[in-house]
C-alpha atoms as a PDB file:
ATOM      1  CA  MET A   1     145.008  -1.965 122.560  1.00  0.00           C
ATOM      2  CA  GLY A   2     146.426  -0.480 119.417  1.00  0.00           C
ATOM      3  CA  GLN A   3     147.040   2.933 120.937  1.00  0.00           C
ATOM      4  CA  CYS A   4     150.122   4.466 122.461  1.00  0.00           C
ATOM      5  CA  ARG A   5     150.046   7.368 124.911  1.00  0.00           C
ATOM      6  CA  GLU A   6     152.940   9.759 125.318  1.00  0.00           C
ATOM      7  CA  VAL A   7     153.426  11.142 128.797  1.00  0.00           C
ATOM      8  CA  SER A   8     156.114  13.740 128.207  1.00  0.00           C
ATOM      9  CA  GLY A   9     155.986  14.631 124.546  1.00  0.00           C
ATOM     10  CA  ALA A  10     156.184  12.662 121.349  1.00  0.00           C
ATOM     11  CA  PRO A  11     159.375  11.038 120.174  1.00  0.00           C
ATOM     12  CA  ARG A  12     161.418  13.738 118.494  1.00  0.00           C
ATOM     13  CA  GLU A  13     161.961  13.861 114.755  1.00  0.00           C
ATOM     14  CA  GLU A  14     165.283  12.599 113.387  1.00  0.00           C
ATOM     15  CA  SER A  15     166.552  16.155 112.782  1.00  0.00           C
ATOM     16  CA  ASN A  16     166.481  16.809 116.550  1.00  0.00           C
ATOM     17  CA  ALA A  17     167.878  13.428 117.519  1.00  0.00           C
ATOM     18  CA  ILE A  18     171.081  12.866 119.421  1.00  0.00           C
ATOM     19  CA  PRO A  19     173.598  11.402 116.939  1.00  0.00           C
ATOM     20  CA  LYS A  20     174.043   7.639 116.949  1.00  0.00           C
ATOM     21  CA  VAL A  21     177.196   6.416 118.657  1.00  0.00           C
ATOM     22  CA  LYS A  22     177.748   3.587 116.156  1.00  0.00           C
ATOM     23  CA  SER A  23     176.689   3.797 112.542  1.00  0.00           C
ATOM     24  CA  GLY A  24     173.996   1.373 111.506  1.00  0.00           C
ATOM     25  CA  LEU A  25     172.328   1.146 114.903  1.00  0.00           C
ATOM     26  CA  PRO A  26     168.739   2.345 115.146  1.00  0.00           C
ATOM     27  CA  SER A  27     168.237   5.745 116.757  1.00  0.00           C
ATOM     28  CA  ALA A  28     166.227   6.088 119.969  1.00  0.00           C
ATOM     29  CA  GLN A  29     163.188   7.170 117.937  1.00  0.00           C
ATOM     30  CA  GLU A  30     163.532   4.159 115.622  1.00  0.00           C
ATOM     31  CA  GLN A  31     163.808   1.884 118.656  1.00  0.00           C
ATOM     32  CA  VAL A  32     160.634   3.390 120.137  1.00  0.00           C
ATOM     33  CA  ARG A  33     158.776   2.777 116.867  1.00  0.00           C
ATOM     34  CA  LEU A  34     160.025  -0.823 116.701  1.00  0.00           C
ATOM     35  CA  ILE A  35     159.180  -1.448 120.371  1.00  0.00           C
ATOM     36  CA  THR A  36     155.680   0.041 120.220  1.00  0.00           C
ATOM     37  CA  ALA A  37     154.924  -1.826 116.962  1.00  0.00           C
ATOM     38  CA  SER A  38     156.061  -5.105 118.535  1.00  0.00           C
ATOM     39  CA  LEU A  39     153.972  -4.458 121.645  1.00  0.00           C
ATOM     40  CA  ASP A  40     150.966  -3.655 119.470  1.00  0.00           C
ATOM     41  CA  ASP A  41     151.472  -6.930 117.555  1.00  0.00           C
ATOM     42  CA  ASP A  42     151.611  -8.783 120.894  1.00  0.00           C
ATOM     43  CA  LYS A  43     148.354  -7.154 122.091  1.00  0.00           C
ATOM     44  CA  ALA A  44     149.981  -5.182 124.910  1.00  0.00           C
ATOM     45  CA  GLU A  45     147.619  -2.903 126.768  1.00  0.00           C
ATOM     46  CA  ASP A  46     148.001   0.771 127.738  1.00  0.00           C
ATOM     47  CA  VAL A  47     151.360   1.387 126.026  1.00  0.00           C
ATOM     48  CA  VAL A  48     152.938   4.637 127.229  1.00  0.00           C
ATOM     49  CA  VAL A  49     156.068   6.367 125.926  1.00  0.00           C
ATOM     50  CA  VAL A  50     157.823   8.734 128.353  1.00  0.00           C
ATOM     51  CA  ASP A  51     160.361  11.223 126.976  1.00  0.00           C
ATOM     52  CA  LEU A  52     163.286  11.254 129.432  1.00  0.00           C
ATOM     53  CA  VAL A  53     165.525  13.782 127.656  1.00  0.00           C
ATOM     54  CA  GLY A  54     166.516  16.398 130.211  1.00  0.00           C
ATOM     55  CA  LYS A  55     165.073  14.303 133.054  1.00  0.00           C
ATOM     56  CA  ALA A  56     167.411  11.307 133.209  1.00  0.00           C
ATOM     57  CA  SER A  57     170.799  10.343 131.849  1.00  0.00           C
ATOM     58  CA  PHE A  58     170.221   6.579 131.663  1.00  0.00           C
ATOM     59  CA  ALA A  59     167.958   6.627 128.556  1.00  0.00           C
ATOM     60  CA  ASP A  60     166.165   8.906 126.104  1.00  0.00           C
ATOM     61  CA  PHE A  61     162.793   7.158 126.371  1.00  0.00           C
ATOM     62  CA  MET A  62     160.909   4.808 128.643  1.00  0.00           C
ATOM     63  CA  VAL A  63     158.183   2.558 127.287  1.00  0.00           C
ATOM     64  CA  ILE A  64     155.662   1.098 129.727  1.00  0.00           C
ATOM     65  CA  ALA A  65     153.121  -1.573 128.800  1.00  0.00           C
ATOM     66  CA  THR A  66     150.829  -4.123 130.400  1.00  0.00           C
ATOM     67  CA  GLY A  67     150.350  -7.795 129.609  1.00  0.00           C
ATOM     68  CA  ARG A  68     147.326  -9.714 130.846  1.00  0.00           C
ATOM     69  CA  SER A  69     149.365 -12.576 132.308  1.00  0.00           C
ATOM     70  CA  ASP A  70     152.914 -13.492 133.275  1.00  0.00           C
ATOM     71  CA  ARG A  71     153.060 -15.644 130.162  1.00  0.00           C
ATOM     72  CA  GLN A  72     152.141 -12.722 127.895  1.00  0.00           C
ATOM     73  CA  VAL A  73     154.639 -10.442 129.648  1.00  0.00           C
ATOM     74  CA  GLY A  74     157.396 -13.000 129.094  1.00  0.00           C
ATOM     75  CA  ALA A  75     156.447 -13.504 125.439  1.00  0.00           C
ATOM     76  CA  MET A  76     156.414  -9.737 124.786  1.00  0.00           C
ATOM     77  CA  ALA A  77     159.859  -9.425 126.361  1.00  0.00           C
ATOM     78  CA  ASP A  78     161.248 -12.340 124.374  1.00  0.00           C
ATOM     79  CA  HIS A  79     159.898 -10.904 121.102  1.00  0.00           C
ATOM     80  CA  LEU A  80     161.369  -7.481 121.875  1.00  0.00           C
ATOM     81  CA  ILE A  81     164.797  -8.921 122.667  1.00  0.00           C
ATOM     82  CA  ARG A  82     164.806 -10.844 119.381  1.00  0.00           C
ATOM     83  CA  LYS A  83     163.651  -7.858 117.312  1.00  0.00           C
ATOM     84  CA  LEU A  84     166.134  -5.446 118.899  1.00  0.00           C
ATOM     85  CA  LYS A  85     168.994  -7.898 118.368  1.00  0.00           C
ATOM     86  CA  ALA A  86     167.913  -8.321 114.729  1.00  0.00           C
ATOM     87  CA  GLU A  87     168.241  -4.542 114.362  1.00  0.00           C
ATOM     88  CA  GLY A  88     171.853  -4.656 115.562  1.00  0.00           C
ATOM     89  CA  ILE A  89     171.456  -3.991 119.268  1.00  0.00           C
ATOM     90  CA  GLY A  90     173.555  -6.903 120.492  1.00  0.00           C
ATOM     91  CA  GLN A  91     173.089  -6.536 124.228  1.00  0.00           C
ATOM     92  CA  VAL A  92     169.554  -6.221 125.576  1.00  0.00           C
ATOM     93  CA  PRO A  93     169.747  -6.997 129.290  1.00  0.00           C
ATOM     94  CA  ALA A  94     166.498  -8.302 130.777  1.00  0.00           C
ATOM     95  CA  GLU A  95     165.541  -8.406 134.445  1.00  0.00           C
ATOM     96  CA  GLY A  96     162.557 -10.292 135.844  1.00  0.00           C
ATOM     97  CA  MET A  97     162.185 -12.998 133.187  1.00  0.00           C
ATOM     98  CA  GLY A  98     161.984 -15.667 135.906  1.00  0.00           C
ATOM     99  CA  GLN A  99     158.789 -14.421 137.510  1.00  0.00           C
ATOM    100  CA  ARG A 100     157.530 -12.175 134.692  1.00  0.00           C
ATOM    101  CA  ASP A 101     155.448  -9.918 136.962  1.00  0.00           C
ATOM    102  CA  TRP A 102     157.624  -6.987 135.885  1.00  0.00           C
ATOM    103  CA  VAL A 103     160.209  -7.355 133.138  1.00  0.00           C
ATOM    104  CA  LEU A 104     162.712  -4.590 132.471  1.00  0.00           C
ATOM    105  CA  LEU A 105     164.579  -4.434 129.143  1.00  0.00           C
ATOM    106  CA  ASP A 106     167.372  -1.967 128.407  1.00  0.00           C
ATOM    107  CA  SER A 107     168.427  -1.237 124.831  1.00  0.00           C
ATOM    108  CA  GLY A 108     170.677   1.619 125.924  1.00  0.00           C
ATOM    109  CA  ASP A 109     168.555   4.466 124.529  1.00  0.00           C
ATOM    110  CA  VAL A 110     165.189   3.022 125.550  1.00  0.00           C
ATOM    111  CA  VAL A 111     164.161   1.301 128.782  1.00  0.00           C
ATOM    112  CA  VAL A 112     161.083  -0.924 128.544  1.00  0.00           C
ATOM    113  CA  HIS A 113     158.926  -1.889 131.533  1.00  0.00           C
ATOM    114  CA  LEU A 114     156.436  -4.714 130.976  1.00  0.00           C
ATOM    115  CA  PHE A 115     153.988  -5.356 133.816  1.00  0.00           C
ATOM    116  CA  ARG A 116     151.099  -7.509 134.847  1.00  0.00           C
ATOM    117  CA  PRO A 117     148.166  -5.129 135.600  1.00  0.00           C
ATOM    118  CA  GLU A 118     148.273  -5.213 139.405  1.00  0.00           C
ATOM    119  CA  VAL A 119     152.045  -4.702 139.525  1.00  0.00           C
ATOM    120  CA  ARG A 120     151.871  -1.757 137.126  1.00  0.00           C
ATOM    121  CA  SER A 121     149.146  -0.132 139.154  1.00  0.00           C
ATOM    122  CA  PHE A 122     151.186  -0.575 142.365  1.00  0.00           C
ATOM    123  CA  TYR A 123     154.365   1.086 141.003  1.00  0.00           C
ATOM    124  CA  ASN A 124     152.604   3.685 138.791  1.00  0.00           C
ATOM    125  CA  LEU A 125     155.766   4.697 136.897  1.00  0.00           C
ATOM    126  CA  GLU A 126     153.850   7.079 134.627  1.00  0.00           C
ATOM    127  CA  LYS A 127     153.032   9.273 137.606  1.00  0.00           C
ATOM    128  CA  LEU A 128     156.611   9.148 138.848  1.00  0.00           C
ATOM    129  CA  TRP A 129     158.096  10.259 135.505  1.00  0.00           C
ATOM    130  CA  SER A 130     155.347  12.569 134.261  1.00  0.00           C
ATOM    131  CA  ASP A 131     156.050  16.290 134.299  1.00  0.00           C
ATOM    132  CA  GLU A 132     152.322  16.995 134.290  1.00  0.00           C
ATOM    133  CA  PRO A 133     151.304  18.841 137.494  1.00  0.00           C
ATOM    134  CA  ALA A 134     149.293  16.766 139.962  1.00  0.00           C
ATOM    135  CA  GLN A 135     146.220  19.027 139.664  1.00  0.00           C
ATOM    136  CA  ALA A 136     146.133  18.755 135.850  1.00  0.00           C
ATOM    137  CA  ARG A 137     146.550  14.979 136.130  1.00  0.00           C
ATOM    138  CA  ALA A 138     143.623  14.750 138.548  1.00  0.00           C
ATOM    139  CA  GLU A 139     141.435  16.870 136.257  1.00  0.00           C
ATOM    140  CA  ARG A 140     142.344  14.799 133.203  1.00  0.00           C
ATOM    141  CA  ILE A 141     141.550  11.537 134.999  1.00  0.00           C
ATOM    142  CA  ALA A 142     138.229  12.798 136.443  1.00  0.00           C
END
């Protein structure tokens, strides 16, 4: 808790950021900061930020986090939706709020995956999106 790993580089500084489409909306980097702070407040575990620039066109960043129970996952998602809307992001689609094993939130620039531990371990999104070679990953884990 309280720590955030970055899989594919740190969020870029504002000077390197892609310009905002609408004035007044938080940039992708600002959204990542807001999201990771909210997850930290909600005691999320193993928060990971994946830089998707150059890898995917659907978002600039992916944030992955674990909640200890379906109730915690749902609460984290609800808090994020409220905080993002308060920052001017009107539409924050959420998938999986019924079961809350895996909740996906999409702010446009940032996609957030919230998992229960066993579901996160099954899908292992960090491995899928990491550009770290398999050998280096194995050495780092060992």
